[in-house]
Amino acid sequence: MRESELHLRQTMLEALKDVEDTRSDLVSTTDSTVASDQSLTLSTQLYKGGAASFLDVLDAQASYLRAADLLNQAKREHALAAVALYRSLGGGWSVTDDASYKTASESK
């Protein structure tokens, strides 16, 4: 009994750590995306004013799209970590061998 309790606590702590890690990644990635958006806006304004080349705008767009993609990945990882935490807390569902999900009420 004690071993299973320790294993449960370890699982919950690992899941909580994953959630916190992905939350931190999400915050930093959000900041990066905001900075990339500002850079894109500035380079577009400079291009329209004749002070920058269109290549600068394209570089800013590529940077923004990379940051947006990383933000989406961070959001996905955060959601997956939250689900893992809920599962470790007894979220009420289980995974079958064919990888389809069912709720606890469906499995009864």
Protein backbone atom coordinates (compact mmCIF):
# COMPACT_ATOMS: atom_id res chain seq x y z
CA MET A 1 0.00 0.00 0.00
CA ARG A 2 2.75 2.45 0.90
CA GLU A 3 4.59 1.79 -2.38
CA SER A 4 1.51 2.47 -4.49
CA GLU A 5 0.85 5.67 -2.54
CA LEU A 6 4.41 6.85 -3.16
CA HIS A 7 4.10 5.97 -6.83
CA LEU A 8 0.86 7.98 -7.07
CA ARG A 9 2.49 10.98 -5.39
CA GLN A 10 5.48 10.75 -7.72
CA THR A 11 3.20 10.57 -10.75
CA MET A 12 1.21 13.59 -9.58
CA LEU A 13 4.34 15.61 -8.87
CA GLU A 14 5.79 14.79 -12.29
CA ALA A 15 2.53 15.78 -13.97
CA LEU A 16 2.40 19.03 -12.00
CA LYS A 17 6.02 19.76 -12.95
CA ASP A 18 5.17 19.18 -16.61
CA VAL A 19 2.24 21.60 -16.38
CA GLU A 20 4.42 24.27 -14.75
CA ASP A 21 7.23 23.76 -17.26
CA THR A 22 4.87 24.07 -20.21
CA ARG A 23 3.20 27.11 -18.62
CA SER A 24 6.60 28.77 -18.39
CA ASP A 25 7.33 27.88 -22.02
CA LEU A 26 3.93 29.24 -23.00
CA VAL A 27 4.60 32.59 -21.32
CA SER A 28 8.03 33.03 -22.90
CA THR A 29 6.75 31.93 -26.31
CA THR A 30 3.85 34.38 -26.04
CA ASP A 31 6.32 37.19 -25.31
CA SER A 32 8.38 36.14 -28.32
CA THR A 33 5.31 36.14 -30.54
CA VAL A 34 4.33 39.63 -29.38
CA ALA A 35 7.86 40.89 -30.10
CA SER A 36 7.80 39.29 -33.56
CA ASP A 37 4.44 40.90 -34.27
CA GLN A 38 5.80 44.31 -33.28
CA SER A 39 8.85 43.75 -35.48
CA LEU A 40 6.60 42.84 -38.40
CA THR A 41 4.50 45.95 -37.87
CA LEU A 42 7.58 48.16 -37.69
CA SER A 43 9.24 46.66 -40.75
CA THR A 44 5.98 47.03 -42.72
CA GLN A 45 5.74 50.68 -41.73
CA LEU A 46 9.37 51.27 -42.66
CA TYR A 47 8.80 49.59 -46.03
CA LYS A 48 5.72 51.73 -46.71
CA GLY A 49 7.75 54.81 -45.81
CA GLY A 50 10.56 53.78 -48.14
CA ALA A 51 13.10 53.22 -45.36
CA ALA A 52 13.36 49.43 -45.66
CA SER A 53 13.31 46.80 -48.37
CA PHE A 54 10.56 44.27 -48.91
CA LEU A 55 13.06 41.57 -47.94
CA ASP A 56 13.03 43.02 -44.41
CA VAL A 57 9.25 42.63 -44.36
CA LEU A 58 9.51 39.03 -45.57
CA ASP A 59 12.12 38.24 -42.90
CA ALA A 60 9.86 39.73 -40.24
CA GLN A 61 6.91 37.71 -41.54
CA ALA A 62 8.94 34.50 -41.46
CA SER A 63 10.07 35.25 -37.92
CA TYR A 64 6.50 35.97 -36.82
CA LEU A 65 5.20 32.75 -38.39
CA ARG A 66 7.92 30.70 -36.65
CA ALA A 67 7.04 32.33 -33.32
CA ALA A 68 3.32 31.73 -33.88
CA ASP A 69 4.01 28.09 -34.71
CA LEU A 70 6.08 27.70 -31.53
CA LEU A 71 3.26 29.33 -29.55
CA ASN A 72 0.74 26.84 -30.94
CA GLN A 73 3.07 23.96 -30.07
CA ALA A 74 3.51 25.34 -26.54
CA LYS A 75 -0.28 25.62 -26.13
CA ARG A 76 -0.65 22.01 -27.27
CA GLU A 77 2.04 20.79 -24.88
CA HIS A 78 0.45 22.74 -22.03
CA ALA A 79 -2.94 21.17 -22.73
CA LEU A 80 -1.41 17.68 -22.90
CA ALA A 81 0.42 18.25 -19.61
CA ALA A 82 -2.81 19.43 -17.97
CA VAL A 83 -4.59 16.30 -19.18
CA ALA A 84 -1.77 14.17 -17.78
CA LEU A 85 -2.17 15.94 -14.44
CA TYR A 86 -5.92 15.36 -14.42
CA ARG A 87 -5.36 11.70 -15.27
CA SER A 88 -2.84 11.32 -12.46
CA LEU A 89 -5.43 12.81 -10.10
CA GLY A 90 -7.96 10.19 -11.21
CA GLY A 91 -9.58 12.11 -14.03
CA GLY A 92 -12.24 9.49 -14.57
CA TRP A 93 -11.23 7.95 -17.86
CA SER A 94 -8.97 5.24 -19.12
CA VAL A 95 -7.25 4.42 -22.38
CA THR A 96 -8.10 1.17 -24.13
CA ASP A 97 -5.70 -0.90 -26.19
CA ASP A 98 -7.05 0.56 -29.44
CA ALA A 99 -6.25 4.10 -28.18
CA SER A 100 -9.88 5.19 -28.11
CA TYR A 101 -10.99 7.08 -25.02
CA LYS A 102 -13.94 6.33 -22.80
CA THR A 103 -15.22 7.86 -19.61
CA ALA A 104 -15.46 6.00 -16.33
CA SER A 105 -19.26 5.84 -16.64
CA GLU A 106 -18.95 4.21 -20.08
CA SER A 107 -16.58 1.56 -18.79
CA LYS A 108 -19.07 0.34 -16.15
